[in-house]
Amino acid sequence: MQLRESGEMYLETILILSRKKSLVRAIDIGEYMGFSKPSVSRAMHLLRDENYIRIGDDGGISLTAEGMEIAYKIYERHELLSRALMMLGVDEKTAVRDACRMEHVISDETFRAIKSYIQGQF
């Protein structure tokens, strides 16, 4: 299944929150993303049905191996693209916002080229 941008954003959010909290719940995701409880609940059920997340009896949400792989990929893109845009002189707020859009549509080939170039600069 090809995951949509919104699904990728949810997975990335779960990854980010899991680094800050031992237990990630739907309410945490909704607050972080600014989405309603019904929207988050529907998305969590879809992600669970596609085996990207697990929902525990305690309501805790965790990423499966497949979900983790996608979340990490999107998170890495976001971080690197934000940094690259700031290196080009874009202010941080704009760079982060634009990177969030770019991370979902950039090809793997283009991302690898940007990553290689950025890493060569340090």
C-alpha atoms as a PDB file:
ATOM      1  CA  MET A   1       0.000   0.000   0.000  1.00  0.00           C
ATOM      2  CA  GLN A   2       1.207   3.494  -0.842  1.00  0.00           C
ATOM      3  CA  LEU A   3       0.914   5.590   2.302  1.00  0.00           C
ATOM      4  CA  ARG A   4      -0.536   9.063   1.889  1.00  0.00           C
ATOM      5  CA  GLU A   5       1.136  12.217   3.145  1.00  0.00           C
ATOM      6  CA  SER A   6      -1.193  12.420   6.156  1.00  0.00           C
ATOM      7  CA  GLY A   7      -0.273   8.857   7.149  1.00  0.00           C
ATOM      8  CA  GLU A   8       3.408   9.690   6.893  1.00  0.00           C
ATOM      9  CA  MET A   9       2.849  12.738   9.093  1.00  0.00           C
ATOM     10  CA  TYR A  10       1.111  10.643  11.736  1.00  0.00           C
ATOM     11  CA  LEU A  11       3.939   8.108  11.753  1.00  0.00           C
ATOM     12  CA  GLU A  12       6.543  10.869  12.019  1.00  0.00           C
ATOM     13  CA  THR A  13       4.589  12.424  14.897  1.00  0.00           C
ATOM     14  CA  ILE A  14       4.443   9.102  16.741  1.00  0.00           C
ATOM     15  CA  LEU A  15       8.221   8.784  16.335  1.00  0.00           C
ATOM     16  CA  ILE A  16       8.839  12.308  17.635  1.00  0.00           C
ATOM     17  CA  LEU A  17       6.504  11.857  20.603  1.00  0.00           C
ATOM     18  CA  SER A  18       7.926   8.427  21.468  1.00  0.00           C
ATOM     19  CA  ARG A  19      11.325  10.048  21.880  1.00  0.00           C
ATOM     20  CA  LYS A  20       9.833  12.388  24.502  1.00  0.00           C
ATOM     21  CA  LYS A  21       7.296  10.122  26.220  1.00  0.00           C
ATOM     22  CA  SER A  22       7.274   6.491  27.242  1.00  0.00           C
ATOM     23  CA  LEU A  23       3.581   6.163  26.320  1.00  0.00           C
ATOM     24  CA  VAL A  24       2.114   7.863  23.251  1.00  0.00           C
ATOM     25  CA  ARG A  25      -1.667   8.122  23.127  1.00  0.00           C
ATOM     26  CA  ALA A  26      -4.062   9.365  20.474  1.00  0.00           C
ATOM     27  CA  ILE A  27      -4.725  12.507  22.500  1.00  0.00           C
ATOM     28  CA  ASP A  28      -0.999  13.352  22.474  1.00  0.00           C
ATOM     29  CA  ILE A  29      -0.926  12.957  18.695  1.00  0.00           C
ATOM     30  CA  GLY A  30      -3.994  15.159  18.270  1.00  0.00           C
ATOM     31  CA  GLU A  31      -2.566  17.885  20.482  1.00  0.00           C
ATOM     32  CA  TYR A  32       0.795  17.815  18.714  1.00  0.00           C
ATOM     33  CA  MET A  33      -0.729  17.936  15.237  1.00  0.00           C
ATOM     34  CA  GLY A  34      -3.718  20.147  16.047  1.00  0.00           C
ATOM     35  CA  PHE A  35      -6.209  17.516  14.858  1.00  0.00           C
ATOM     36  CA  SER A  36      -9.528  16.488  16.382  1.00  0.00           C
ATOM     37  CA  LYS A  37      -9.918  13.316  18.392  1.00  0.00           C
ATOM     38  CA  PRO A  38     -12.203  11.679  15.757  1.00  0.00           C
ATOM     39  CA  SER A  39      -9.686  12.435  12.981  1.00  0.00           C
ATOM     40  CA  VAL A  40      -6.818  10.933  14.961  1.00  0.00           C
ATOM     41  CA  SER A  41      -8.898   7.925  15.983  1.00  0.00           C
ATOM     42  CA  ARG A  42      -9.808   7.166  12.364  1.00  0.00           C
ATOM     43  CA  ALA A  43      -6.203   7.561  11.228  1.00  0.00           C
ATOM     44  CA  MET A  44      -4.932   5.276  14.013  1.00  0.00           C
ATOM     45  CA  HIS A  45      -7.367   2.551  13.017  1.00  0.00           C
ATOM     46  CA  LEU A  46      -6.307   2.801   9.377  1.00  0.00           C
ATOM     47  CA  LEU A  47      -2.610   2.734  10.297  1.00  0.00           C
ATOM     48  CA  ARG A  48      -3.201  -0.243  12.605  1.00  0.00           C
ATOM     49  CA  ASP A  49      -5.135  -2.101   9.901  1.00  0.00           C
ATOM     50  CA  GLU A  50      -2.213  -1.578   7.496  1.00  0.00           C
ATOM     51  CA  ASN A  51       0.257  -2.799  10.172  1.00  0.00           C
ATOM     52  CA  TYR A  52       2.125   0.503  10.592  1.00  0.00           C
ATOM     53  CA  ILE A  53       1.255   0.831  14.299  1.00  0.00           C
ATOM     54  CA  ARG A  54       0.152  -1.219  17.288  1.00  0.00           C
ATOM     55  CA  ILE A  55      -2.382   0.003  19.824  1.00  0.00           C
ATOM     56  CA  GLY A  56      -1.965  -1.556  23.250  1.00  0.00           C
ATOM     57  CA  ASP A  57      -4.662  -2.386  25.770  1.00  0.00           C
ATOM     58  CA  ASP A  58      -3.565   0.713  27.694  1.00  0.00           C
ATOM     59  CA  GLY A  59      -4.166   2.919  24.618  1.00  0.00           C
ATOM     60  CA  GLY A  60      -0.452   3.269  23.984  1.00  0.00           C
ATOM     61  CA  ILE A  61       0.492   3.595  20.335  1.00  0.00           C
ATOM     62  CA  SER A  62       3.763   2.214  19.010  1.00  0.00           C
ATOM     63  CA  LEU A  63       5.268   1.857  15.570  1.00  0.00           C
ATOM     64  CA  THR A  64       5.735  -1.525  13.940  1.00  0.00           C
ATOM     65  CA  ALA A  65       9.015  -2.196  12.134  1.00  0.00           C
ATOM     66  CA  GLU A  66       7.427  -1.053   8.868  1.00  0.00           C
ATOM     67  CA  GLY A  67       5.944   2.044  10.533  1.00  0.00           C
ATOM     68  CA  MET A  68       9.293   2.863  12.130  1.00  0.00           C
ATOM     69  CA  GLU A  69      11.076   2.607   8.792  1.00  0.00           C
ATOM     70  CA  ILE A  70       8.695   5.088   7.163  1.00  0.00           C
ATOM     71  CA  ALA A  71       8.645   7.423  10.180  1.00  0.00           C
ATOM     72  CA  TYR A  72      12.429   7.543  10.341  1.00  0.00           C
ATOM     73  CA  LYS A  73      12.681   8.171   6.590  1.00  0.00           C
ATOM     74  CA  ILE A  74      10.284  11.119   6.782  1.00  0.00           C
ATOM     75  CA  TYR A  75      11.900  12.477   9.954  1.00  0.00           C
ATOM     76  CA  GLU A  76      15.378  12.287   8.412  1.00  0.00           C
ATOM     77  CA  ARG A  77      14.139  14.105   5.323  1.00  0.00           C
ATOM     78  CA  HIS A  78      12.506  16.791   7.437  1.00  0.00           C
ATOM     79  CA  GLU A  79      15.618  17.397   9.518  1.00  0.00           C
ATOM     80  CA  LEU A  80      18.047  17.431   6.603  1.00  0.00           C
ATOM     81  CA  LEU A  81      15.873  19.540   4.307  1.00  0.00           C
ATOM     82  CA  SER A  82      15.232  22.058   7.099  1.00  0.00           C
ATOM     83  CA  ARG A  83      18.958  22.323   7.728  1.00  0.00           C
ATOM     84  CA  ALA A  84      19.755  22.623   4.012  1.00  0.00           C
ATOM     85  CA  LEU A  85      17.247  25.428   3.533  1.00  0.00           C
ATOM     86  CA  MET A  86      18.617  27.306   6.544  1.00  0.00           C
ATOM     87  CA  MET A  87      22.145  26.890   5.143  1.00  0.00           C
ATOM     88  CA  LEU A  88      20.866  28.633   2.017  1.00  0.00           C
ATOM     89  CA  GLY A  89      19.694  31.571   4.126  1.00  0.00           C
ATOM     90  CA  VAL A  90      16.024  30.705   4.598  1.00  0.00           C
ATOM     91  CA  ASP A  91      14.740  31.688   8.055  1.00  0.00           C
ATOM     92  CA  GLU A  92      14.084  28.763  10.387  1.00  0.00           C
ATOM     93  CA  LYS A  93      10.282  29.035  10.518  1.00  0.00           C
ATOM     94  CA  THR A  94       9.990  29.086   6.721  1.00  0.00           C
ATOM     95  CA  ALA A  95      12.616  26.363   6.292  1.00  0.00           C
ATOM     96  CA  VAL A  96      10.806  24.008   8.676  1.00  0.00           C
ATOM     97  CA  ARG A  97       7.426  24.683   7.045  1.00  0.00           C
ATOM     98  CA  ASP A  98       8.790  24.159   3.518  1.00  0.00           C
ATOM     99  CA  ALA A  99      10.743  21.053   4.512  1.00  0.00           C
ATOM    100  CA  CYS A 100       7.514  19.585   5.896  1.00  0.00           C
ATOM    101  CA  ARG A 101       5.945  19.919   2.458  1.00  0.00           C
ATOM    102  CA  MET A 102       9.009  18.751   0.530  1.00  0.00           C
ATOM    103  CA  GLU A 103       9.703  15.653   2.630  1.00  0.00           C
ATOM    104  CA  HIS A 104       6.629  13.883   1.248  1.00  0.00           C
ATOM    105  CA  VAL A 105       7.150  14.502  -2.451  1.00  0.00           C
ATOM    106  CA  ILE A 106      10.902  14.468  -3.035  1.00  0.00           C
ATOM    107  CA  SER A 107      12.210  11.353  -4.769  1.00  0.00           C
ATOM    108  CA  ASP A 108      14.626   9.013  -3.016  1.00  0.00           C
ATOM    109  CA  GLU A 109      17.228   9.777  -5.689  1.00  0.00           C
ATOM    110  CA  THR A 110      17.017  13.544  -5.210  1.00  0.00           C
ATOM    111  CA  PHE A 111      17.055  13.211  -1.428  1.00  0.00           C
ATOM    112  CA  ARG A 112      20.168  11.001  -1.555  1.00  0.00           C
ATOM    113  CA  ALA A 113      21.902  13.595  -3.764  1.00  0.00           C
ATOM    114  CA  ILE A 114      21.030  16.449  -1.392  1.00  0.00           C
ATOM    115  CA  LYS A 115      22.090  14.368   1.604  1.00  0.00           C
ATOM    116  CA  SER A 116      25.407  13.480  -0.035  1.00  0.00           C
ATOM    117  CA  TYR A 117      26.049  17.118  -0.912  1.00  0.00           C
ATOM    118  CA  ILE A 118      25.195  18.359   2.601  1.00  0.00           C
ATOM    119  CA  GLN A 119      27.366  15.711   4.239  1.00  0.00           C
ATOM    120  CA  GLY A 120      30.249  16.715   1.970  1.00  0.00           C
ATOM    121  CA  GLN A 121      29.998  20.256   3.290  1.00  0.00           C
ATOM    122  CA  PHE A 122      30.972  19.262   6.841  1.00  0.00           C
END
